[in-house]
């Protein structure tokens, strides 16, 4: 059974409500990477739970992360003004999709304490004013526009645990303090697996199980409007 909601066909799961629309982003260039295994596992877990999943391998989709001049603004843009010349193809699709998503999963490695450049470019080009937030003036407080209820950020790395503890977790700062809170009010869950390079098959199986469990429990069906 299907019901039309916010312009999209969404699976109805009575009596629990609507399945969530979940966007899954993967940012790793090697198809044999553990990041790919994580993303595949999460997509399967979400689908098994009845959610509608949009999966994007940013490298496979050949996303251009370079911010264009006509996209480089931070204030004064209403959502009706988003049809800039560069907002075509993948960029326009990503913007439209994230505006409707109830959930977000991001899978990427820790490279120099930051996401890969292709994912940073996705943030620059997709989470723009009028889509992710609205800012009336530079000194004001951003108004989050996304409808995201939950977000799961899963990262991998090869830094030993002792050194990781000294460095802290810069990726947590990026996602849980600098990005997602200003785009709305989602619940943000965070998983980090590592070191991965010399990890055993059993360890990787445990990590994949943890990723599936988190995806299954964090994302719940959206209550049906009464």
N, C-alpha and C. Protein backbone atom coordinates (compact mmCIF):
# COMPACT_ATOMS: atom_id res chain seq x y z
N UNK A 1 0.84 -1.19 0.00
CA UNK A 1 0.00 0.00 0.00
C UNK A 1 0.87 1.23 0.00
N UNK A 2 0.51 2.20 -0.81
CA UNK A 2 1.30 3.41 -0.89
C UNK A 2 0.45 4.64 -0.60
N UNK A 3 1.07 5.68 -0.09
CA UNK A 3 0.39 6.93 0.19
C UNK A 3 1.25 8.07 -0.29
N UNK A 4 0.65 9.10 -0.89
CA UNK A 4 1.41 10.23 -1.37
C UNK A 4 1.60 11.24 -0.23
N UNK A 5 2.86 11.60 0.02
CA UNK A 5 3.18 12.53 1.10
C UNK A 5 4.33 13.39 0.64
N UNK A 6 4.18 14.71 0.75
CA UNK A 6 5.19 15.69 0.33
C UNK A 6 5.70 15.42 -1.08
N UNK A 7 4.77 15.07 -1.97
CA UNK A 7 5.13 14.94 -3.37
C UNK A 7 5.81 13.63 -3.72
N UNK A 8 5.98 12.70 -2.78
CA UNK A 8 6.67 11.45 -3.05
C UNK A 8 5.77 10.28 -2.69
N UNK A 9 5.94 9.18 -3.39
CA UNK A 9 5.24 7.95 -3.02
C UNK A 9 6.00 7.29 -1.89
N UNK A 10 5.35 7.06 -0.80
CA UNK A 10 6.03 6.51 0.37
C UNK A 10 5.28 5.28 0.85
N UNK A 11 6.04 4.26 1.19
CA UNK A 11 5.48 2.99 1.64
C UNK A 11 4.79 3.16 2.98
N UNK A 12 3.54 2.71 3.05
CA UNK A 12 2.77 2.80 4.28
C UNK A 12 2.87 1.48 5.04
N UNK A 13 3.26 1.57 6.31
CA UNK A 13 3.41 0.37 7.13
C UNK A 13 2.44 0.43 8.31
N UNK A 14 1.16 0.22 8.07
CA UNK A 14 0.21 0.27 9.17
C UNK A 14 0.45 -0.90 10.12
N UNK A 15 0.19 -0.71 11.44
CA UNK A 15 -0.28 0.52 12.05
C UNK A 15 0.85 1.42 12.54
N UNK A 16 2.07 1.19 12.07
CA UNK A 16 3.24 1.87 12.62
C UNK A 16 3.49 3.23 12.00
N UNK A 17 3.09 3.43 10.75
CA UNK A 17 3.34 4.70 10.09
C UNK A 17 4.08 4.51 8.79
N UNK A 18 4.67 5.59 8.32
CA UNK A 18 5.36 5.57 7.05
C UNK A 18 6.81 5.12 7.20
N UNK A 19 7.29 4.36 6.23
CA UNK A 19 8.70 4.03 6.20
C UNK A 19 9.50 5.30 5.99
N UNK A 20 10.68 5.34 6.54
CA UNK A 20 11.52 6.52 6.38
C UNK A 20 12.17 6.53 5.01
N UNK A 21 12.38 7.73 4.49
CA UNK A 21 13.19 7.94 3.30
C UNK A 21 14.60 8.19 3.79
N UNK A 22 15.52 7.27 3.52
CA UNK A 22 16.88 7.36 4.05
C UNK A 22 17.88 7.50 2.90
N UNK A 23 18.68 8.54 2.96
CA UNK A 23 19.77 8.74 2.01
C UNK A 23 21.05 8.16 2.60
N UNK A 24 21.73 7.32 1.84
CA UNK A 24 22.99 6.73 2.28
C UNK A 24 24.10 7.22 1.35
N UNK A 25 25.11 7.87 1.92
CA UNK A 25 26.23 8.39 1.16
C UNK A 25 27.49 7.58 1.46
N UNK A 26 28.20 7.19 0.43
CA UNK A 26 29.46 6.47 0.58
C UNK A 26 30.55 7.28 -0.11
N UNK A 27 31.66 7.49 0.60
CA UNK A 27 32.78 8.26 0.02
C UNK A 27 34.08 7.48 0.20
N UNK A 28 34.33 6.56 -0.68
CA UNK A 28 35.60 5.84 -0.72
C UNK A 28 35.84 5.38 -2.15
N UNK A 29 37.04 5.66 -2.71
CA UNK A 29 37.27 5.38 -4.13
C UNK A 29 37.47 3.92 -4.50
N UNK A 30 37.81 3.05 -3.54
CA UNK A 30 38.11 1.67 -3.86
C UNK A 30 36.88 0.79 -3.61
N UNK A 31 36.45 0.09 -4.65
CA UNK A 31 35.23 -0.71 -4.53
C UNK A 31 35.39 -1.90 -3.61
N UNK A 32 36.64 -2.33 -3.37
CA UNK A 32 36.87 -3.47 -2.48
C UNK A 32 37.10 -3.03 -1.04
N UNK A 33 36.92 -1.76 -0.74
CA UNK A 33 37.22 -1.23 0.58
C UNK A 33 36.20 -1.73 1.62
N UNK A 34 36.61 -1.68 2.89
CA UNK A 34 35.71 -2.03 3.98
C UNK A 34 34.57 -1.03 4.06
N UNK A 35 34.81 0.22 3.65
CA UNK A 35 33.74 1.22 3.62
C UNK A 35 32.59 0.76 2.73
N UNK A 36 32.93 0.15 1.59
CA UNK A 36 31.89 -0.37 0.71
C UNK A 36 31.11 -1.50 1.39
N UNK A 37 31.80 -2.36 2.10
CA UNK A 37 31.12 -3.43 2.81
C UNK A 37 30.18 -2.88 3.88
N UNK A 38 30.63 -1.83 4.57
CA UNK A 38 29.77 -1.20 5.58
C UNK A 38 28.52 -0.63 4.93
N UNK A 39 28.70 0.12 3.84
CA UNK A 39 27.56 0.74 3.18
C UNK A 39 26.58 -0.31 2.68
N UNK A 40 27.09 -1.38 2.08
CA UNK A 40 26.21 -2.44 1.59
C UNK A 40 25.41 -3.06 2.75
N UNK A 41 26.08 -3.28 3.87
CA UNK A 41 25.43 -3.87 5.04
C UNK A 41 24.32 -2.96 5.57
N UNK A 42 24.60 -1.67 5.65
CA UNK A 42 23.61 -0.72 6.16
C UNK A 42 22.41 -0.63 5.21
N UNK A 43 22.67 -0.58 3.92
CA UNK A 43 21.57 -0.51 2.95
C UNK A 43 20.68 -1.74 3.08
N UNK A 44 21.28 -2.91 3.22
CA UNK A 44 20.50 -4.14 3.38
C UNK A 44 19.68 -4.13 4.66
N UNK A 45 20.28 -3.64 5.75
CA UNK A 45 19.57 -3.59 7.03
C UNK A 45 18.37 -2.64 6.96
N UNK A 46 18.57 -1.49 6.33
CA UNK A 46 17.49 -0.52 6.20
C UNK A 46 16.37 -1.04 5.32
N UNK A 47 16.75 -1.68 4.21
CA UNK A 47 15.74 -2.24 3.32
C UNK A 47 14.96 -3.34 4.00
N UNK A 48 15.65 -4.17 4.79
CA UNK A 48 14.99 -5.25 5.50
C UNK A 48 13.99 -4.72 6.52
N UNK A 49 14.28 -3.51 7.05
CA UNK A 49 13.38 -2.89 8.02
C UNK A 49 12.20 -2.18 7.34
N UNK A 50 12.19 -2.19 6.00
CA UNK A 50 11.07 -1.62 5.27
C UNK A 50 11.23 -0.19 4.85
N UNK A 51 12.43 0.38 5.05
CA UNK A 51 12.64 1.77 4.67
C UNK A 51 12.93 1.90 3.18
N UNK A 52 12.70 3.11 2.66
CA UNK A 52 13.04 3.42 1.29
C UNK A 52 14.44 4.03 1.28
N UNK A 53 15.36 3.40 0.60
CA UNK A 53 16.76 3.79 0.66
C UNK A 53 17.23 4.32 -0.69
N UNK A 54 17.89 5.48 -0.65
CA UNK A 54 18.57 6.04 -1.82
C UNK A 54 20.06 5.99 -1.54
N UNK A 55 20.75 5.10 -2.24
CA UNK A 55 22.17 4.90 -2.01
C UNK A 55 22.99 5.63 -3.05
N UNK A 56 24.03 6.35 -2.59
CA UNK A 56 24.88 7.11 -3.50
C UNK A 56 26.35 6.85 -3.19
N UNK A 57 27.03 6.20 -4.13
CA UNK A 57 28.48 6.07 -4.09
C UNK A 57 29.02 7.28 -4.85
N UNK A 58 29.51 8.28 -4.13
CA UNK A 58 29.86 9.55 -4.75
C UNK A 58 30.94 9.40 -5.82
N UNK A 59 31.88 8.48 -5.60
CA UNK A 59 32.92 8.26 -6.62
C UNK A 59 32.33 7.57 -7.85
N UNK A 60 31.51 6.55 -7.65
CA UNK A 60 30.92 5.84 -8.77
C UNK A 60 29.99 6.73 -9.59
N UNK A 61 29.35 7.68 -8.92
CA UNK A 61 28.45 8.60 -9.61
C UNK A 61 29.20 9.78 -10.21
N UNK A 62 30.52 9.81 -10.01
CA UNK A 62 31.37 10.85 -10.61
C UNK A 62 30.91 12.25 -10.20
N UNK A 63 30.61 12.39 -8.91
CA UNK A 63 30.16 13.70 -8.41
C UNK A 63 31.30 14.71 -8.48
N UNK A 64 30.99 15.90 -8.96
CA UNK A 64 31.96 16.99 -9.03
C UNK A 64 31.89 17.79 -7.74
N UNK A 65 32.91 17.74 -6.89
CA UNK A 65 32.84 18.41 -5.59
C UNK A 65 33.19 19.90 -5.62
N UNK A 66 33.52 20.43 -6.78
CA UNK A 66 34.00 21.82 -6.84
C UNK A 66 32.83 22.79 -6.78
N UNK A 67 32.82 23.62 -5.74
CA UNK A 67 31.78 24.62 -5.57
C UNK A 67 31.88 25.68 -6.66
N UNK A 68 30.75 25.97 -7.30
CA UNK A 68 30.73 26.95 -8.37
C UNK A 68 30.48 28.35 -7.81
N UNK A 69 30.90 29.37 -8.56
CA UNK A 69 30.80 30.75 -8.08
C UNK A 69 29.36 31.14 -7.77
N UNK A 70 28.40 30.71 -8.61
CA UNK A 70 27.01 31.11 -8.39
C UNK A 70 26.35 30.32 -7.27
N UNK A 71 27.07 29.36 -6.69
CA UNK A 71 26.57 28.62 -5.54
C UNK A 71 27.16 29.14 -4.24
N UNK A 72 28.10 30.02 -4.33
CA UNK A 72 28.88 30.46 -3.17
C UNK A 72 28.20 31.64 -2.49
N UNK A 73 27.21 31.35 -1.67
CA UNK A 73 26.52 32.37 -0.90
C UNK A 73 26.12 31.77 0.43
N UNK A 74 25.84 32.61 1.40
CA UNK A 74 25.47 32.09 2.72
C UNK A 74 24.21 32.73 3.29
N UNK A 75 23.83 33.89 2.81
CA UNK A 75 22.66 34.57 3.37
C UNK A 75 21.80 35.12 2.24
N UNK A 76 20.55 35.43 2.59
CA UNK A 76 19.68 36.17 1.69
C UNK A 76 19.05 35.37 0.57
N UNK A 77 19.23 34.05 0.55
CA UNK A 77 18.64 33.24 -0.51
C UNK A 77 17.43 32.48 0.02
N UNK A 78 16.30 32.65 -0.68
CA UNK A 78 15.10 31.89 -0.34
C UNK A 78 15.11 30.59 -1.13
N UNK A 79 14.31 29.64 -0.70
CA UNK A 79 14.30 28.34 -1.36
C UNK A 79 13.84 28.45 -2.80
N UNK A 80 13.06 29.51 -3.13
CA UNK A 80 12.59 29.71 -4.49
C UNK A 80 13.70 30.17 -5.41
N UNK A 81 14.83 30.62 -4.88
CA UNK A 81 15.92 31.16 -5.68
C UNK A 81 17.02 30.15 -5.98
N UNK A 82 16.74 28.87 -5.78
CA UNK A 82 17.80 27.87 -5.87
C UNK A 82 18.11 27.41 -7.28
N UNK A 83 17.34 27.84 -8.26
CA UNK A 83 17.54 27.34 -9.61
C UNK A 83 18.66 28.10 -10.31
N UNK A 84 19.85 27.96 -9.77
CA UNK A 84 21.03 28.58 -10.36
C UNK A 84 21.48 27.75 -11.56
N UNK A 85 22.25 28.32 -12.48
CA UNK A 85 22.70 27.56 -13.65
C UNK A 85 23.42 26.27 -13.31
N UNK A 86 24.14 26.24 -12.19
CA UNK A 86 24.90 25.04 -11.84
C UNK A 86 24.07 23.99 -11.12
N UNK A 87 22.84 24.35 -10.72
CA UNK A 87 21.99 23.41 -9.98
C UNK A 87 21.27 22.49 -10.96
N UNK A 88 22.03 21.66 -11.66
CA UNK A 88 21.48 20.71 -12.62
C UNK A 88 22.06 19.33 -12.33
N UNK A 89 21.50 18.33 -13.00
CA UNK A 89 22.04 16.99 -12.88
C UNK A 89 22.10 16.49 -11.46
N UNK A 90 23.27 15.95 -11.08
CA UNK A 90 23.43 15.34 -9.77
C UNK A 90 23.19 16.33 -8.64
N UNK A 91 23.70 17.55 -8.78
CA UNK A 91 23.58 18.53 -7.70
C UNK A 91 22.11 18.80 -7.40
N UNK A 92 21.33 19.05 -8.44
CA UNK A 92 19.90 19.31 -8.25
C UNK A 92 19.21 18.09 -7.64
N UNK A 93 19.59 16.90 -8.10
CA UNK A 93 18.98 15.68 -7.56
C UNK A 93 19.31 15.51 -6.08
N UNK A 94 20.58 15.69 -5.70
CA UNK A 94 20.98 15.56 -4.30
C UNK A 94 20.23 16.57 -3.42
N UNK A 95 20.12 17.80 -3.90
CA UNK A 95 19.42 18.83 -3.11
C UNK A 95 17.96 18.46 -2.90
N UNK A 96 17.31 18.04 -3.96
CA UNK A 96 15.90 17.67 -3.86
C UNK A 96 15.71 16.48 -2.94
N UNK A 97 16.60 15.50 -3.05
CA UNK A 97 16.47 14.29 -2.24
C UNK A 97 16.70 14.55 -0.76
N UNK A 98 17.76 15.30 -0.43
CA UNK A 98 18.06 15.53 0.99
C UNK A 98 16.98 16.39 1.64
N UNK A 99 16.31 17.23 0.85
CA UNK A 99 15.23 18.06 1.39
C UNK A 99 14.04 17.22 1.81
N UNK A 100 13.88 16.04 1.22
CA UNK A 100 12.75 15.17 1.54
C UNK A 100 13.12 14.03 2.49
N UNK A 101 14.42 13.82 2.72
CA UNK A 101 14.86 12.66 3.49
C UNK A 101 14.49 12.76 4.97
N UNK A 102 14.12 11.63 5.55
CA UNK A 102 13.86 11.53 6.99
C UNK A 102 15.12 11.08 7.73
N UNK A 103 16.01 10.39 7.01
CA UNK A 103 17.22 9.87 7.64
C UNK A 103 18.42 10.00 6.72
N UNK A 104 19.61 10.01 7.31
CA UNK A 104 20.86 10.13 6.56
C UNK A 104 21.90 9.20 7.17
N UNK A 105 22.59 8.46 6.31
CA UNK A 105 23.73 7.66 6.72
C UNK A 105 24.92 8.09 5.87
N UNK A 106 26.06 8.33 6.53
CA UNK A 106 27.28 8.72 5.82
C UNK A 106 28.38 7.73 6.21
N UNK A 107 29.04 7.16 5.20
CA UNK A 107 30.13 6.21 5.44
C UNK A 107 31.37 6.74 4.74
N UNK A 108 32.46 6.94 5.51
CA UNK A 108 33.68 7.46 4.89
C UNK A 108 34.89 7.19 5.79
N UNK A 109 36.08 7.21 5.21
CA UNK A 109 37.30 7.03 6.01
C UNK A 109 37.72 8.34 6.66
N UNK A 110 38.54 8.23 7.68
CA UNK A 110 39.14 9.39 8.32
C UNK A 110 40.45 9.70 7.59
N UNK A 111 40.45 10.76 6.81
CA UNK A 111 41.65 11.18 6.09
C UNK A 111 42.10 12.53 6.62
N UNK A 112 43.21 12.53 7.38
CA UNK A 112 43.74 13.76 7.98
C UNK A 112 42.71 14.43 8.89
N UNK A 113 41.93 13.63 9.58
CA UNK A 113 40.95 14.19 10.51
C UNK A 113 39.78 14.86 9.85
N UNK A 114 39.50 14.52 8.60
CA UNK A 114 38.40 15.13 7.85
C UNK A 114 37.83 14.12 6.86
N UNK A 115 36.66 14.41 6.29
CA UNK A 115 36.12 13.53 5.26
C UNK A 115 36.91 13.68 3.97
N UNK A 116 36.83 12.71 3.07
CA UNK A 116 37.44 12.86 1.75
C UNK A 116 36.92 14.11 1.04
N UNK A 117 37.73 14.66 0.13
CA UNK A 117 37.37 15.91 -0.55
C UNK A 117 36.04 15.82 -1.29
N UNK A 118 35.75 14.65 -1.85
CA UNK A 118 34.50 14.52 -2.60
C UNK A 118 33.29 14.68 -1.69
N UNK A 119 33.40 14.22 -0.45
CA UNK A 119 32.30 14.36 0.50
C UNK A 119 32.23 15.79 1.04
N UNK A 120 33.39 16.41 1.29
CA UNK A 120 33.39 17.82 1.70
C UNK A 120 32.75 18.68 0.62
N UNK A 121 33.00 18.34 -0.65
CA UNK A 121 32.37 19.07 -1.74
C UNK A 121 30.87 18.86 -1.79
N UNK A 122 30.44 17.65 -1.42
CA UNK A 122 28.99 17.39 -1.34
C UNK A 122 28.35 18.31 -0.31
N UNK A 123 29.00 18.46 0.83
CA UNK A 123 28.49 19.37 1.85
C UNK A 123 28.41 20.79 1.31
N UNK A 124 29.47 21.23 0.61
CA UNK A 124 29.51 22.59 0.08
C UNK A 124 28.41 22.85 -0.93
N UNK A 125 28.17 21.89 -1.81
CA UNK A 125 27.29 22.11 -2.95
C UNK A 125 25.84 21.73 -2.69
N UNK A 126 25.60 20.85 -1.72
CA UNK A 126 24.24 20.36 -1.49
C UNK A 126 23.59 21.01 -0.27
N UNK A 127 24.32 21.11 0.83
CA UNK A 127 23.74 21.69 2.05
C UNK A 127 23.88 23.21 2.03
N UNK A 128 23.17 23.82 1.11
CA UNK A 128 23.26 25.26 0.89
C UNK A 128 22.07 25.97 1.51
N UNK A 129 22.15 27.30 1.65
CA UNK A 129 21.00 28.07 2.13
C UNK A 129 19.79 27.82 1.24
N UNK A 130 18.63 27.69 1.87
CA UNK A 130 17.41 27.41 1.13
C UNK A 130 17.13 25.94 1.02
N UNK A 131 18.14 25.10 1.17
CA UNK A 131 17.96 23.65 1.18
C UNK A 131 18.16 23.12 2.59
N UNK A 132 19.34 23.36 3.18
CA UNK A 132 19.67 22.81 4.49
C UNK A 132 19.40 23.80 5.62
N UNK A 133 19.50 25.08 5.34
CA UNK A 133 19.30 26.09 6.39
C UNK A 133 18.96 27.42 5.76
N UNK A 134 18.52 28.34 6.61
CA UNK A 134 18.24 29.71 6.18
C UNK A 134 18.93 30.65 7.15
N UNK A 135 19.60 31.65 6.62
CA UNK A 135 20.32 32.61 7.46
C UNK A 135 19.98 34.01 6.97
N UNK A 136 19.27 34.78 7.81
CA UNK A 136 18.83 36.11 7.41
C UNK A 136 19.99 37.09 7.34
N UNK A 137 20.93 36.97 8.27
CA UNK A 137 22.09 37.85 8.28
C UNK A 137 23.28 37.08 8.83
N UNK A 138 24.48 37.54 8.48
CA UNK A 138 25.69 36.79 8.80
C UNK A 138 25.84 36.54 10.30
N UNK A 139 25.42 37.47 11.12
CA UNK A 139 25.58 37.32 12.56
C UNK A 139 24.42 36.59 13.23
N UNK A 140 23.43 36.18 12.43
CA UNK A 140 22.26 35.54 13.00
C UNK A 140 22.44 34.06 13.24
N UNK A 141 21.40 33.44 13.76
CA UNK A 141 21.38 32.00 14.01
C UNK A 141 20.76 31.29 12.82
N UNK A 142 21.42 30.27 12.28
CA UNK A 142 20.83 29.53 11.16
C UNK A 142 19.53 28.85 11.57
N UNK A 143 18.59 28.87 10.65
CA UNK A 143 17.34 28.13 10.83
C UNK A 143 17.45 26.85 10.01
N UNK A 144 17.48 25.70 10.67
CA UNK A 144 17.59 24.44 9.96
C UNK A 144 16.34 24.13 9.17
N UNK A 145 16.52 23.67 7.94
CA UNK A 145 15.38 23.40 7.06
C UNK A 145 15.16 21.93 6.78
N UNK A 146 16.16 21.09 7.02
CA UNK A 146 15.99 19.68 6.70
C UNK A 146 15.03 19.01 7.67
N UNK A 147 14.34 18.00 7.17
CA UNK A 147 13.37 17.27 7.99
C UNK A 147 13.98 16.02 8.62
N UNK A 148 15.30 15.88 8.53
CA UNK A 148 15.98 14.70 9.05
C UNK A 148 15.61 14.46 10.52
N UNK A 149 15.23 13.22 10.81
CA UNK A 149 14.96 12.83 12.19
C UNK A 149 16.17 12.15 12.82
N UNK A 150 16.91 11.40 12.00
CA UNK A 150 18.06 10.66 12.51
C UNK A 150 19.18 10.66 11.48
N UNK A 151 20.41 10.61 11.99
CA UNK A 151 21.58 10.52 11.12
C UNK A 151 22.59 9.57 11.76
N UNK A 152 23.25 8.78 10.93
CA UNK A 152 24.27 7.84 11.38
C UNK A 152 25.53 8.08 10.58
N UNK A 153 26.62 8.42 11.25
CA UNK A 153 27.90 8.65 10.60
C UNK A 153 28.85 7.52 11.00
N UNK A 154 29.32 6.76 10.01
CA UNK A 154 30.21 5.63 10.25
C UNK A 154 31.54 5.91 9.55
N UNK A 155 32.63 5.88 10.32
CA UNK A 155 33.94 6.16 9.76
C UNK A 155 34.91 5.03 10.07
N UNK A 156 35.98 4.99 9.29
CA UNK A 156 37.04 4.00 9.50
C UNK A 156 38.38 4.72 9.55
N UNK A 157 39.36 4.05 10.13
CA UNK A 157 40.70 4.63 10.19
C UNK A 157 41.73 3.58 10.56
N UNK A 158 43.00 3.96 10.46
CA UNK A 158 44.09 3.05 10.79
C UNK A 158 44.96 3.56 11.94
N UNK A 159 44.56 4.66 12.56
CA UNK A 159 45.31 5.20 13.68
C UNK A 159 45.14 4.29 14.91
N UNK A 160 46.23 3.91 15.56
CA UNK A 160 46.11 3.09 16.78
C UNK A 160 45.26 3.79 17.84
N UNK A 161 44.59 2.98 18.64
CA UNK A 161 43.64 3.51 19.62
C UNK A 161 44.29 4.51 20.57
N UNK A 162 45.54 4.24 20.99
CA UNK A 162 46.21 5.13 21.93
C UNK A 162 46.42 6.52 21.32
N UNK A 163 46.85 6.55 20.06
CA UNK A 163 47.06 7.84 19.41
C UNK A 163 45.73 8.52 19.10
N UNK A 164 44.73 7.71 18.75
CA UNK A 164 43.40 8.25 18.48
C UNK A 164 42.85 8.97 19.70
N UNK A 165 43.10 8.40 20.89
CA UNK A 165 42.62 9.01 22.12
C UNK A 165 43.27 10.37 22.36
N UNK A 166 44.56 10.50 22.00
CA UNK A 166 45.25 11.77 22.16
C UNK A 166 44.75 12.83 21.18
N UNK A 167 44.41 12.39 19.97
CA UNK A 167 43.96 13.32 18.93
C UNK A 167 42.52 13.76 19.14
N UNK A 168 41.76 12.97 19.87
CA UNK A 168 40.34 13.26 19.99
C UNK A 168 39.62 12.73 18.77
N UNK A 169 38.46 13.25 18.50
CA UNK A 169 37.66 12.79 17.36
C UNK A 169 37.20 14.00 16.55
N UNK A 170 38.06 14.53 15.66
CA UNK A 170 37.68 15.71 14.88
C UNK A 170 36.47 15.47 13.99
N UNK A 171 36.28 14.23 13.54
CA UNK A 171 35.13 13.95 12.69
C UNK A 171 33.82 14.09 13.45
N UNK A 172 33.83 13.75 14.73
CA UNK A 172 32.64 13.96 15.54
C UNK A 172 32.31 15.45 15.65
N UNK A 173 33.35 16.26 15.81
CA UNK A 173 33.14 17.71 15.85
C UNK A 173 32.50 18.21 14.56
N UNK A 174 33.00 17.71 13.44
CA UNK A 174 32.48 18.15 12.15
C UNK A 174 31.00 17.81 12.00
N UNK A 175 30.67 16.55 12.24
CA UNK A 175 29.30 16.10 11.96
C UNK A 175 28.31 16.47 13.06
N UNK A 176 28.70 16.29 14.33
CA UNK A 176 27.72 16.46 15.41
C UNK A 176 27.64 17.88 15.95
N UNK A 177 28.63 18.72 15.62
CA UNK A 177 28.61 20.10 16.12
C UNK A 177 28.59 21.15 15.02
N UNK A 178 29.29 20.88 13.91
CA UNK A 178 29.47 21.92 12.89
C UNK A 178 28.53 21.80 11.70
N UNK A 179 27.96 20.62 11.45
CA UNK A 179 27.15 20.44 10.25
C UNK A 179 25.69 20.15 10.59
N UNK A 180 25.42 18.96 11.08
CA UNK A 180 24.03 18.51 11.19
C UNK A 180 23.16 19.34 12.13
N UNK A 181 23.66 19.84 13.27
CA UNK A 181 22.78 20.64 14.14
C UNK A 181 22.26 21.91 13.48
N UNK A 182 22.97 22.43 12.48
CA UNK A 182 22.56 23.67 11.84
C UNK A 182 21.65 23.43 10.64
N UNK A 183 21.40 22.15 10.33
CA UNK A 183 20.53 21.81 9.20
C UNK A 183 19.15 21.35 9.66
N UNK A 184 18.96 21.22 10.94
CA UNK A 184 17.71 20.72 11.50
C UNK A 184 17.97 20.26 12.92
N UNK A 185 17.23 19.26 13.36
CA UNK A 185 17.40 18.77 14.73
C UNK A 185 17.39 17.24 14.76
N UNK A 186 18.28 16.60 13.98
CA UNK A 186 18.28 15.14 13.96
C UNK A 186 19.00 14.54 15.16
N UNK A 187 18.61 13.34 15.53
CA UNK A 187 19.41 12.54 16.45
C UNK A 187 20.61 12.00 15.67
N UNK A 188 21.82 12.23 16.18
CA UNK A 188 23.03 11.84 15.45
C UNK A 188 23.74 10.74 16.21
N UNK A 189 23.94 9.60 15.53
CA UNK A 189 24.69 8.50 16.10
C UNK A 189 26.01 8.38 15.36
N UNK A 190 27.03 7.91 16.06
CA UNK A 190 28.39 7.93 15.51
C UNK A 190 29.07 6.60 15.78
N UNK A 191 29.65 5.98 14.75
CA UNK A 191 30.42 4.76 14.89
C UNK A 191 31.78 4.95 14.22
N UNK A 192 32.83 4.46 14.86
CA UNK A 192 34.16 4.48 14.24
C UNK A 192 34.78 3.11 14.40
N UNK A 193 35.29 2.55 13.28
CA UNK A 193 35.90 1.24 13.28
C UNK A 193 37.38 1.36 12.88
N UNK A 194 38.24 0.74 13.66
CA UNK A 194 39.65 0.76 13.33
C UNK A 194 40.50 0.24 14.48
N UNK A 195 41.78 0.04 14.17
CA UNK A 195 42.40 0.11 12.84
C UNK A 195 41.87 -1.01 11.94
N UNK A 196 41.66 -0.68 10.66
CA UNK A 196 41.02 -1.62 9.75
C UNK A 196 42.00 -2.43 8.90
N UNK A 197 43.17 -1.88 8.58
CA UNK A 197 44.06 -2.52 7.62
C UNK A 197 44.45 -3.94 8.03
N UNK A 198 44.82 -4.14 9.27
CA UNK A 198 45.26 -5.45 9.74
C UNK A 198 44.19 -6.18 10.55
N UNK A 199 42.95 -5.73 10.45
CA UNK A 199 41.89 -6.35 11.23
C UNK A 199 41.55 -7.74 10.68
N UNK A 200 41.10 -8.62 11.56
CA UNK A 200 40.77 -9.99 11.18
C UNK A 200 39.37 -10.05 10.56
N UNK A 201 39.09 -11.17 9.92
CA UNK A 201 37.76 -11.38 9.36
C UNK A 201 36.70 -11.36 10.45
N UNK A 202 37.02 -11.94 11.60
CA UNK A 202 36.07 -11.95 12.71
C UNK A 202 35.79 -10.55 13.22
N UNK A 203 36.85 -9.72 13.31
CA UNK A 203 36.67 -8.34 13.77
C UNK A 203 35.79 -7.58 12.79
N UNK A 204 36.05 -7.74 11.51
CA UNK A 204 35.26 -7.03 10.51
C UNK A 204 33.80 -7.51 10.53
N UNK A 205 33.60 -8.78 10.76
CA UNK A 205 32.24 -9.30 10.86
C UNK A 205 31.51 -8.67 12.05
N UNK A 206 32.22 -8.49 13.16
CA UNK A 206 31.63 -7.84 14.33
C UNK A 206 31.28 -6.39 14.03
N UNK A 207 32.18 -5.70 13.33
CA UNK A 207 31.91 -4.30 12.98
C UNK A 207 30.69 -4.19 12.05
N UNK A 208 30.61 -5.07 11.09
CA UNK A 208 29.46 -5.04 10.17
C UNK A 208 28.17 -5.32 10.91
N UNK A 209 28.22 -6.24 11.87
CA UNK A 209 27.04 -6.53 12.68
C UNK A 209 26.63 -5.32 13.49
N UNK A 210 27.62 -4.61 14.05
CA UNK A 210 27.33 -3.39 14.82
C UNK A 210 26.71 -2.32 13.94
N UNK A 211 27.20 -2.17 12.71
CA UNK A 211 26.65 -1.18 11.79
C UNK A 211 25.20 -1.52 11.45
N UNK A 212 24.93 -2.79 11.19
CA UNK A 212 23.56 -3.21 10.88
C UNK A 212 22.63 -2.98 12.06
N UNK A 213 23.11 -3.32 13.26
CA UNK A 213 22.28 -3.13 14.46
C UNK A 213 21.95 -1.66 14.68
N UNK A 214 22.95 -0.78 14.53
CA UNK A 214 22.71 0.65 14.72
C UNK A 214 21.71 1.18 13.69
N UNK A 215 21.87 0.76 12.44
CA UNK A 215 20.96 1.21 11.41
C UNK A 215 19.54 0.74 11.68
N UNK A 216 19.42 -0.48 12.17
CA UNK A 216 18.09 -1.04 12.42
C UNK A 216 17.38 -0.38 13.59
N UNK A 217 18.15 0.03 14.61
CA UNK A 217 17.54 0.60 15.81
C UNK A 217 17.42 2.12 15.77
N UNK A 218 18.34 2.79 15.08
CA UNK A 218 18.29 4.26 15.05
C UNK A 218 17.15 4.78 14.19
N UNK A 219 16.90 4.12 13.07
CA UNK A 219 15.88 4.60 12.14
C UNK A 219 14.58 3.87 12.40
N UNK A 220 13.58 4.66 12.73
CA UNK A 220 12.26 4.13 13.03
C UNK A 220 11.26 4.68 12.02
N UNK A 221 10.13 4.01 11.90
CA UNK A 221 9.11 4.48 10.97
C UNK A 221 8.55 5.81 11.43
N UNK A 222 8.23 6.64 10.47
CA UNK A 222 7.65 7.95 10.76
C UNK A 222 6.18 7.77 11.14
N UNK A 223 5.76 8.28 12.31
CA UNK A 223 4.36 8.10 12.72
C UNK A 223 3.39 8.67 11.69
N UNK A 224 2.35 7.95 11.42
CA UNK A 224 1.33 8.41 10.48
C UNK A 224 0.56 9.57 11.10
N UNK A 225 0.36 10.61 10.30
CA UNK A 225 -0.38 11.79 10.79
C UNK A 225 -1.80 11.39 11.11
N UNK A 226 -2.26 11.81 12.29
CA UNK A 226 -3.61 11.44 12.70
C UNK A 226 -4.61 12.51 12.42
